[in-house]
Amino acid sequence: MRVNVLLPADVARALRDLVPPRQRARFIAEAVERELRRIQVEAALEASAGAWQDADHPELADGPAIDRWIAEGRARLEWDRAEGV
């Protein structure tokens, strides 16, 4: 889809200087995609802020508890077992 946008003069000059002519549209599209993804992630993080409550997760209360929780999870998945043994 064709879209016309205005860029600040210094940004347009840098774009012309650094990106070859037949690659500019793709460069701009990828930059816009990255920024849109960043905005979406930021919005999701803001929406989920406060969802984690330490009181809801006593199994992760401190370092040793976290280590135990990880070890138990790995044991259930049998991560410590070599394949084919």
PDB file of N, CA and C in Angstrom:
ATOM      1  N   MET A   1       0.856  -1.165   0.000  1.00  0.00           N
ATOM      2  CA  MET A   1       0.000   0.000   0.000  1.00  0.00           C
ATOM      3  C   MET A   1       0.900   1.226   0.000  1.00  0.00           C
ATOM      4  N   ARG A   2       0.552   2.180  -0.760  1.00  0.00           N
ATOM      5  CA  ARG A   2       1.330   3.411  -0.851  1.00  0.00           C
ATOM      6  C   ARG A   2       0.849   4.374   0.227  1.00  0.00           C
ATOM      7  N   VAL A   3       1.816   4.945   0.957  1.00  0.00           N
ATOM      8  CA  VAL A   3       1.521   5.906   2.005  1.00  0.00           C
ATOM      9  C   VAL A   3       2.512   7.066   1.854  1.00  0.00           C
ATOM     10  N   ASN A   4       1.998   8.260   1.917  1.00  0.00           N
ATOM     11  CA  ASN A   4       2.869   9.433   1.867  1.00  0.00           C
ATOM     12  C   ASN A   4       3.045   9.970   3.274  1.00  0.00           C
ATOM     13  N   VAL A   5       4.294  10.176   3.653  1.00  0.00           N
ATOM     14  CA  VAL A   5       4.589  10.722   4.977  1.00  0.00           C
ATOM     15  C   VAL A   5       5.600  11.850   4.827  1.00  0.00           C
ATOM     16  N   LEU A   6       5.572  12.761   5.762  1.00  0.00           N
ATOM     17  CA  LEU A   6       6.559  13.830   5.802  1.00  0.00           C
ATOM     18  C   LEU A   6       7.586  13.490   6.867  1.00  0.00           C
ATOM     19  N   LEU A   7       8.846  13.618   6.513  1.00  0.00           N
ATOM     20  CA  LEU A   7       9.934  13.361   7.451  1.00  0.00           C
ATOM     21  C   LEU A   7      10.665  14.666   7.723  1.00  0.00           C
ATOM     22  N   PRO A   8      11.203  14.817   8.918  1.00  0.00           N
ATOM     23  CA  PRO A   8      12.058  15.970   9.169  1.00  0.00           C
ATOM     24  C   PRO A   8      13.230  15.949   8.181  1.00  0.00           C
ATOM     25  N   ALA A   9      13.692  17.101   7.772  1.00  0.00           N
ATOM     26  CA  ALA A   9      14.737  17.206   6.746  1.00  0.00           C
ATOM     27  C   ALA A   9      15.981  16.401   7.114  1.00  0.00           C
ATOM     28  N   ASP A  10      16.403  16.466   8.370  1.00  0.00           N
ATOM     29  CA  ASP A  10      17.621  15.746   8.754  1.00  0.00           C
ATOM     30  C   ASP A  10      17.426  14.231   8.686  1.00  0.00           C
ATOM     31  N   VAL A  11      16.227  13.756   8.999  1.00  0.00           N
ATOM     32  CA  VAL A  11      15.940  12.319   8.919  1.00  0.00           C
ATOM     33  C   VAL A  11      15.924  11.884   7.453  1.00  0.00           C
ATOM     34  N   ALA A  12      15.302  12.679   6.595  1.00  0.00           N
ATOM     35  CA  ALA A  12      15.245  12.356   5.167  1.00  0.00           C
ATOM     36  C   ALA A  12      16.653  12.339   4.565  1.00  0.00           C
ATOM     37  N   ARG A  13      17.482  13.301   4.945  1.00  0.00           N
ATOM     38  CA  ARG A  13      18.869  13.336   4.447  1.00  0.00           C
ATOM     39  C   ARG A  13      19.640  12.097   4.901  1.00  0.00           C
ATOM     40  N   ALA A  14      19.506  11.728   6.164  1.00  0.00           N
ATOM     41  CA  ALA A  14      20.196  10.547   6.676  1.00  0.00           C
ATOM     42  C   ALA A  14      19.715   9.290   5.958  1.00  0.00           C
ATOM     43  N   LEU A  15      18.423   9.204   5.725  1.00  0.00           N
ATOM     44  CA  LEU A  15      17.865   8.063   4.997  1.00  0.00           C
ATOM     45  C   LEU A  15      18.473   7.979   3.604  1.00  0.00           C
ATOM     46  N   ARG A  16      18.521   9.097   2.895  1.00  0.00           N
ATOM     47  CA  ARG A  16      19.102   9.115   1.544  1.00  0.00           C
ATOM     48  C   ARG A  16      20.590   8.781   1.572  1.00  0.00           C
ATOM     49  N   ASP A  17      21.288   9.261   2.596  1.00  0.00           N
ATOM     50  CA  ASP A  17      22.731   9.037   2.680  1.00  0.00           C
ATOM     51  C   ASP A  17      23.082   7.598   3.048  1.00  0.00           C
ATOM     52  N   LEU A  18      22.281   6.979   3.867  1.00  0.00           N
ATOM     53  CA  LEU A  18      22.644   5.684   4.436  1.00  0.00           C
ATOM     54  C   LEU A  18      21.967   4.475   3.800  1.00  0.00           C
ATOM     55  N   VAL A  19      20.812   4.674   3.184  1.00  0.00           N
ATOM     56  CA  VAL A  19      20.057   3.539   2.637  1.00  0.00           C
ATOM     57  C   VAL A  19      19.974   3.688   1.123  1.00  0.00           C
ATOM     58  N   PRO A  20      20.402   2.662   0.390  1.00  0.00           N
ATOM     59  CA  PRO A  20      20.343   2.736  -1.074  1.00  0.00           C
ATOM     60  C   PRO A  20      18.910   2.964  -1.571  1.00  0.00           C
ATOM     61  N   PRO A  21      18.760   3.649  -2.708  1.00  0.00           N
ATOM     62  CA  PRO A  21      17.440   4.041  -3.212  1.00  0.00           C
ATOM     63  C   PRO A  21      16.404   2.921  -3.294  1.00  0.00           C
ATOM     64  N   ARG A  22      16.748   1.772  -3.782  1.00  0.00           N
ATOM     65  CA  ARG A  22      15.755   0.707  -3.959  1.00  0.00           C
ATOM     66  C   ARG A  22      15.510  -0.094  -2.690  1.00  0.00           C
ATOM     67  N   GLN A  23      16.103   0.325  -1.582  1.00  0.00           N
ATOM     68  CA  GLN A  23      15.914  -0.382  -0.323  1.00  0.00           C
ATOM     69  C   GLN A  23      15.206   0.475   0.718  1.00  0.00           C
ATOM     70  N   ARG A  24      14.898   1.710   0.372  1.00  0.00           N
ATOM     71  CA  ARG A  24      14.336   2.641   1.358  1.00  0.00           C
ATOM     72  C   ARG A  24      12.938   2.256   1.815  1.00  0.00           C
ATOM     73  N   ALA A  25      12.067   1.850   0.907  1.00  0.00           N
ATOM     74  CA  ALA A  25      10.698   1.498   1.296  1.00  0.00           C
ATOM     75  C   ALA A  25      10.712   0.320   2.276  1.00  0.00           C
ATOM     76  N   ARG A  26      11.542  -0.682   1.967  1.00  0.00           N
ATOM     77  CA  ARG A  26      11.635  -1.843   2.859  1.00  0.00           C
ATOM     78  C   ARG A  26      12.218  -1.428   4.210  1.00  0.00           C
ATOM     79  N   PHE A  27      13.242  -0.582   4.180  1.00  0.00           N
ATOM     80  CA  PHE A  27      13.861  -0.096   5.407  1.00  0.00           C
ATOM     81  C   PHE A  27      12.832   0.621   6.279  1.00  0.00           C
ATOM     82  N   ILE A  28      12.065   1.500   5.673  1.00  0.00           N
ATOM     83  CA  ILE A  28      11.047   2.254   6.418  1.00  0.00           C
ATOM     84  C   ILE A  28       9.970   1.311   6.952  1.00  0.00           C
ATOM     85  N   ALA A  29       9.513   0.369   6.134  1.00  0.00           N
ATOM     86  CA  ALA A  29       8.480  -0.580   6.579  1.00  0.00           C
ATOM     87  C   ALA A  29       8.968  -1.394   7.775  1.00  0.00           C
ATOM     88  N   GLU A  30      10.219  -1.867   7.719  1.00  0.00           N
ATOM     89  CA  GLU A  30      10.757  -2.656   8.830  1.00  0.00           C
ATOM     90  C   GLU A  30      10.904  -1.809  10.092  1.00  0.00           C
ATOM     91  N   ALA A  31      11.316  -0.566   9.930  1.00  0.00           N
ATOM     92  CA  ALA A  31      11.458   0.326  11.087  1.00  0.00           C
ATOM     93  C   ALA A  31      10.096   0.599  11.724  1.00  0.00           C
ATOM     94  N   VAL A  32       9.094   0.824  10.905  1.00  0.00           N
ATOM     95  CA  VAL A  32       7.744   1.068  11.420  1.00  0.00           C
ATOM     96  C   VAL A  32       7.216  -0.192  12.111  1.00  0.00           C
ATOM     97  N   GLU A  33       7.437  -1.352  11.503  1.00  0.00           N
ATOM     98  CA  GLU A  33       7.016  -2.614  12.134  1.00  0.00           C
ATOM     99  C   GLU A  33       7.639  -2.787  13.502  1.00  0.00           C
ATOM    100  N   ARG A  34       8.949  -2.549  13.621  1.00  0.00           N
ATOM    101  CA  ARG A  34       9.639  -2.683  14.907  1.00  0.00           C
ATOM    102  C   ARG A  34       9.044  -1.744  15.945  1.00  0.00           C
ATOM    103  N   GLU A  35       8.798  -0.517  15.543  1.00  0.00           N
ATOM    104  CA  GLU A  35       8.255   0.466  16.481  1.00  0.00           C
ATOM    105  C   GLU A  35       6.833   0.092  16.905  1.00  0.00           C
ATOM    106  N   LEU A  36       6.029  -0.389  15.972  1.00  0.00           N
ATOM    107  CA  LEU A  36       4.665  -0.819  16.316  1.00  0.00           C
ATOM    108  C   LEU A  36       4.696  -1.987  17.292  1.00  0.00           C
ATOM    109  N   ARG A  37       5.610  -2.957  17.063  1.00  0.00           N
ATOM    110  CA  ARG A  37       5.750  -4.078  17.995  1.00  0.00           C
ATOM    111  C   ARG A  37       6.160  -3.580  19.374  1.00  0.00           C
ATOM    112  N   ARG A  38       7.085  -2.627  19.425  1.00  0.00           N
ATOM    113  CA  ARG A  38       7.531  -2.076  20.700  1.00  0.00           C
ATOM    114  C   ARG A  38       6.373  -1.422  21.438  1.00  0.00           C
ATOM    115  N   ILE A  39       5.558  -0.669  20.714  1.00  0.00           N
ATOM    116  CA  ILE A  39       4.397  -0.005  21.317  1.00  0.00           C
ATOM    117  C   ILE A  39       3.404  -1.038  21.833  1.00  0.00           C
ATOM    118  N   GLN A  40       3.184  -2.122  21.077  1.00  0.00           N
ATOM    119  CA  GLN A  40       2.272  -3.178  21.508  1.00  0.00           C
ATOM    120  C   GLN A  40       2.774  -3.871  22.769  1.00  0.00           C
ATOM    121  N   VAL A  41       4.067  -4.154  22.821  1.00  0.00           N
ATOM    122  CA  VAL A  41       4.640  -4.797  24.010  1.00  0.00           C
ATOM    123  C   VAL A  41       4.526  -3.866  25.207  1.00  0.00           C
ATOM    124  N   GLU A  42       4.838  -2.604  24.997  1.00  0.00           N
ATOM    125  CA  GLU A  42       4.728  -1.620  26.079  1.00  0.00           C
ATOM    126  C   GLU A  42       3.290  -1.546  26.607  1.00  0.00           C
ATOM    127  N   ALA A  43       2.315  -1.548  25.714  1.00  0.00           N
ATOM    128  CA  ALA A  43       0.911  -1.500  26.127  1.00  0.00           C
ATOM    129  C   ALA A  43       0.534  -2.763  26.903  1.00  0.00           C
ATOM    130  N   ALA A  44       1.019  -3.924  26.451  1.00  0.00           N
ATOM    131  CA  ALA A  44       0.722  -5.178  27.156  1.00  0.00           C
ATOM    132  C   ALA A  44       1.351  -5.171  28.546  1.00  0.00           C
ATOM    133  N   LEU A  45       2.565  -4.655  28.652  1.00  0.00           N
ATOM    134  CA  LEU A  45       3.215  -4.582  29.960  1.00  0.00           C
ATOM    135  C   LEU A  45       2.464  -3.652  30.897  1.00  0.00           C
ATOM    136  N   GLU A  46       2.028  -2.525  30.376  1.00  0.00           N
ATOM    137  CA  GLU A  46       1.251  -1.591  31.197  1.00  0.00           C
ATOM    138  C   GLU A  46      -0.071  -2.209  31.638  1.00  0.00           C
ATOM    139  N   ALA A  47      -0.723  -2.941  30.727  1.00  0.00           N
ATOM    140  CA  ALA A  47      -2.012  -3.561  31.048  1.00  0.00           C
ATOM    141  C   ALA A  47      -1.864  -4.653  32.102  1.00  0.00           C
ATOM    142  N   SER A  48      -0.705  -5.313  32.119  1.00  0.00           N
ATOM    143  CA  SER A  48      -0.527  -6.412  33.060  1.00  0.00           C
ATOM    144  C   SER A  48       0.181  -5.985  34.345  1.00  0.00           C
ATOM    145  N   ALA A  49       0.532  -4.730  34.456  1.00  0.00           N
ATOM    146  CA  ALA A  49       1.227  -4.253  35.657  1.00  0.00           C
ATOM    147  C   ALA A  49       0.391  -4.541  36.895  1.00  0.00           C
ATOM    148  N   GLY A  50       1.018  -5.122  37.890  1.00  0.00           N
ATOM    149  CA  GLY A  50       0.327  -5.437  39.131  1.00  0.00           C
ATOM    150  C   GLY A  50      -0.360  -6.787  39.131  1.00  0.00           C
ATOM    151  N   ALA A  51      -0.295  -7.512  38.017  1.00  0.00           N
ATOM    152  CA  ALA A  51      -0.956  -8.817  37.952  1.00  0.00           C
ATOM    153  C   ALA A  51      -0.265  -9.840  38.845  1.00  0.00           C
ATOM    154  N   TRP A  52       1.041  -9.715  39.023  1.00  0.00           N
ATOM    155  CA  TRP A  52       1.812 -10.633  39.875  1.00  0.00           C
ATOM    156  C   TRP A  52       1.756 -10.137  41.309  1.00  0.00           C
ATOM    157  N   GLN A  53       1.346 -11.009  42.185  1.00  0.00           N
ATOM    158  CA  GLN A  53       1.348 -10.705  43.617  1.00  0.00           C
ATOM    159  C   GLN A  53       2.224 -11.730  44.304  1.00  0.00           C
ATOM    160  N   ASP A  54       3.231 -11.274  45.043  1.00  0.00           N
ATOM    161  CA  ASP A  54       4.136 -12.200  45.730  1.00  0.00           C
ATOM    162  C   ASP A  54       3.382 -13.166  46.640  1.00  0.00           C
ATOM    163  N   ALA A  55       2.319 -12.695  47.262  1.00  0.00           N
ATOM    164  CA  ALA A  55       1.550 -13.542  48.180  1.00  0.00           C
ATOM    165  C   ALA A  55       0.925 -14.737  47.454  1.00  0.00           C
ATOM    166  N   ASP A  56       0.683 -14.605  46.142  1.00  0.00           N
ATOM    167  CA  ASP A  56       0.089 -15.687  45.360  1.00  0.00           C
ATOM    168  C   ASP A  56       1.110 -16.755  44.976  1.00  0.00           C
ATOM    169  N   HIS A  57       2.403 -16.495  45.218  1.00  0.00           N
ATOM    170  CA  HIS A  57       3.457 -17.407  44.779  1.00  0.00           C
ATOM    171  C   HIS A  57       4.484 -17.648  45.880  1.00  0.00           C
ATOM    172  N   PRO A  58       4.065 -18.279  46.987  1.00  0.00           N
ATOM    173  CA  PRO A  58       5.019 -18.528  48.079  1.00  0.00           C
ATOM    174  C   PRO A  58       6.143 -19.469  47.662  1.00  0.00           C
ATOM    175  N   GLU A  59       5.914 -20.270  46.616  1.00  0.00           N
ATOM    176  CA  GLU A  59       6.959 -21.189  46.145  1.00  0.00           C
ATOM    177  C   GLU A  59       8.147 -20.442  45.541  1.00  0.00           C
ATOM    178  N   LEU A  60       7.999 -19.142  45.326  1.00  0.00           N
ATOM    179  CA  LEU A  60       9.070 -18.326  44.753  1.00  0.00           C
ATOM    180  C   LEU A  60       9.484 -17.214  45.708  1.00  0.00           C
ATOM    181  N   ALA A  61       9.392 -17.482  47.000  1.00  0.00           N
ATOM    182  CA  ALA A  61       9.606 -16.448  48.019  1.00  0.00           C
ATOM    183  C   ALA A  61      11.053 -15.988  48.135  1.00  0.00           C
ATOM    184  N   ASP A  62      12.016 -16.898  47.895  1.00  0.00           N
ATOM    185  CA  ASP A  62      13.414 -16.519  48.038  1.00  0.00           C
ATOM    186  C   ASP A  62      14.268 -17.402  47.127  1.00  0.00           C
ATOM    187  N   GLY A  63      15.562 -17.158  47.126  1.00  0.00           N
ATOM    188  CA  GLY A  63      16.466 -17.901  46.242  1.00  0.00           C
ATOM    189  C   GLY A  63      16.380 -19.404  46.381  1.00  0.00           C
ATOM    190  N   PRO A  64      16.495 -19.946  47.593  1.00  0.00           N
ATOM    191  CA  PRO A  64      16.404 -21.402  47.741  1.00  0.00           C
ATOM    192  C   PRO A  64      15.042 -21.958  47.294  1.00  0.00           C
ATOM    193  N   ALA A  65      13.980 -21.223  47.553  1.00  0.00           N
ATOM    194  CA  ALA A  65      12.645 -21.677  47.132  1.00  0.00           C
ATOM    195  C   ALA A  65      12.553 -21.700  45.606  1.00  0.00           C
ATOM    196  N   ILE A  66      13.123 -20.693  44.970  1.00  0.00           N
ATOM    197  CA  ILE A  66      13.115 -20.649  43.498  1.00  0.00           C
ATOM    198  C   ILE A  66      13.936 -21.809  42.945  1.00  0.00           C
ATOM    199  N   ASP A  67      15.113 -22.059  43.518  1.00  0.00           N
ATOM    200  CA  ASP A  67      15.947 -23.185  43.066  1.00  0.00           C
ATOM    201  C   ASP A  67      15.192 -24.506  43.194  1.00  0.00           C
ATOM    202  N   ARG A  68      14.483 -24.686  44.301  1.00  0.00           N
ATOM    203  CA  ARG A  68      13.702 -25.906  44.532  1.00  0.00           C
ATOM    204  C   ARG A  68      12.601 -26.026  43.480  1.00  0.00           C
ATOM    205  N   TRP A  69      11.907 -24.933  43.220  1.00  0.00           N
ATOM    206  CA  TRP A  69      10.809 -24.927  42.242  1.00  0.00           C
ATOM    207  C   TRP A  69      11.329 -25.304  40.851  1.00  0.00           C
ATOM    208  N   ILE A  70      12.486 -24.743  40.468  1.00  0.00           N
ATOM    209  CA  ILE A  70      13.077 -25.064  39.166  1.00  0.00           C
ATOM    210  C   ILE A  70      13.478 -26.527  39.118  1.00  0.00           C
ATOM    211  N   ALA A  71      14.139 -27.024  40.166  1.00  0.00           N
ATOM    212  CA  ALA A  71      14.573 -28.428  40.209  1.00  0.00           C
ATOM    213  C   ALA A  71      13.382 -29.374  40.107  1.00  0.00           C
ATOM    214  N   GLU A  72      12.301 -29.068  40.807  1.00  0.00           N
ATOM    215  CA  GLU A  72      11.101 -29.911  40.752  1.00  0.00           C
ATOM    216  C   GLU A  72      10.503 -29.912  39.340  1.00  0.00           C
ATOM    217  N   GLY A  73      10.453 -28.758  38.718  1.00  0.00           N
ATOM    218  CA  GLY A  73       9.920 -28.680  37.359  1.00  0.00           C
ATOM    219  C   GLY A  73      10.763 -29.458  36.372  1.00  0.00           C
ATOM    220  N   ARG A  74      12.078 -29.340  36.500  1.00  0.00           N
ATOM    221  CA  ARG A  74      12.969 -30.086  35.612  1.00  0.00           C
ATOM    222  C   ARG A  74      12.853 -31.585  35.851  1.00  0.00           C
ATOM    223  N   ALA A  75      12.701 -31.985  37.108  1.00  0.00           N
ATOM    224  CA  ALA A  75      12.545 -33.411  37.412  1.00  0.00           C
ATOM    225  C   ALA A  75      11.278 -33.958  36.768  1.00  0.00           C
ATOM    226  N   ARG A  76      10.202 -33.168  36.797  1.00  0.00           N
ATOM    227  CA  ARG A  76       8.943 -33.616  36.164  1.00  0.00           C
ATOM    228  C   ARG A  76       9.126 -33.764  34.656  1.00  0.00           C
ATOM    229  N   LEU A  77       9.959 -32.911  34.069  1.00  0.00           N
ATOM    230  CA  LEU A  77      10.200 -32.979  32.625  1.00  0.00           C
ATOM    231  C   LEU A  77      11.334 -33.937  32.277  1.00  0.00           C
ATOM    232  N   GLU A  78      11.992 -34.444  33.300  1.00  0.00           N
ATOM    233  CA  GLU A  78      13.118 -35.362  33.148  1.00  0.00           C
ATOM    234  C   GLU A  78      14.243 -34.740  32.327  1.00  0.00           C
ATOM    235  N   TRP A  79      14.529 -33.461  32.560  1.00  0.00           N
ATOM    236  CA  TRP A  79      15.617 -32.759  31.888  1.00  0.00           C
ATOM    237  C   TRP A  79      16.970 -33.351  32.230  1.00  0.00           C
ATOM    238  N   ASP A  80      17.071 -33.920  33.411  1.00  0.00           N
ATOM    239  CA  ASP A  80      18.363 -34.441  33.840  1.00  0.00           C
ATOM    240  C   ASP A  80      18.631 -35.861  33.317  1.00  0.00           C
ATOM    241  N   ARG A  81      17.723 -36.370  32.519  1.00  0.00           N
ATOM    242  CA  ARG A  81      17.878 -37.714  31.983  1.00  0.00           C
ATOM    243  C   ARG A  81      18.440 -37.625  30.552  1.00  0.00           C
ATOM    244  N   ALA A  82      19.442 -38.396  30.270  1.00  0.00           N
ATOM    245  CA  ALA A  82      19.986 -38.447  28.907  1.00  0.00           C
ATOM    246  C   ALA A  82      18.987 -39.177  28.014  1.00  0.00           C
ATOM    247  N   GLU A  83      18.865 -38.720  26.787  1.00  0.00           N
ATOM    248  CA  GLU A  83      17.936 -39.376  25.855  1.00  0.00           C
ATOM    249  C   GLU A  83      18.440 -40.781  25.531  1.00  0.00           C
ATOM    250  N   GLY A  84      17.513 -41.689  25.443  1.00  0.00           N
ATOM    251  CA  GLY A  84      17.832 -43.060  25.074  1.00  0.00           C
ATOM    252  C   GLY A  84      18.395 -43.904  26.199  1.00  0.00           C
ATOM    253  N   VAL A  85      18.399 -43.344  27.413  1.00  0.00           N
ATOM    254  CA  VAL A  85      18.944 -44.105  28.536  1.00  0.00           C
ATOM    255  C   VAL A  85      17.822 -44.810  29.253  1.00  0.00           C
TER     256      VAL A  85
END
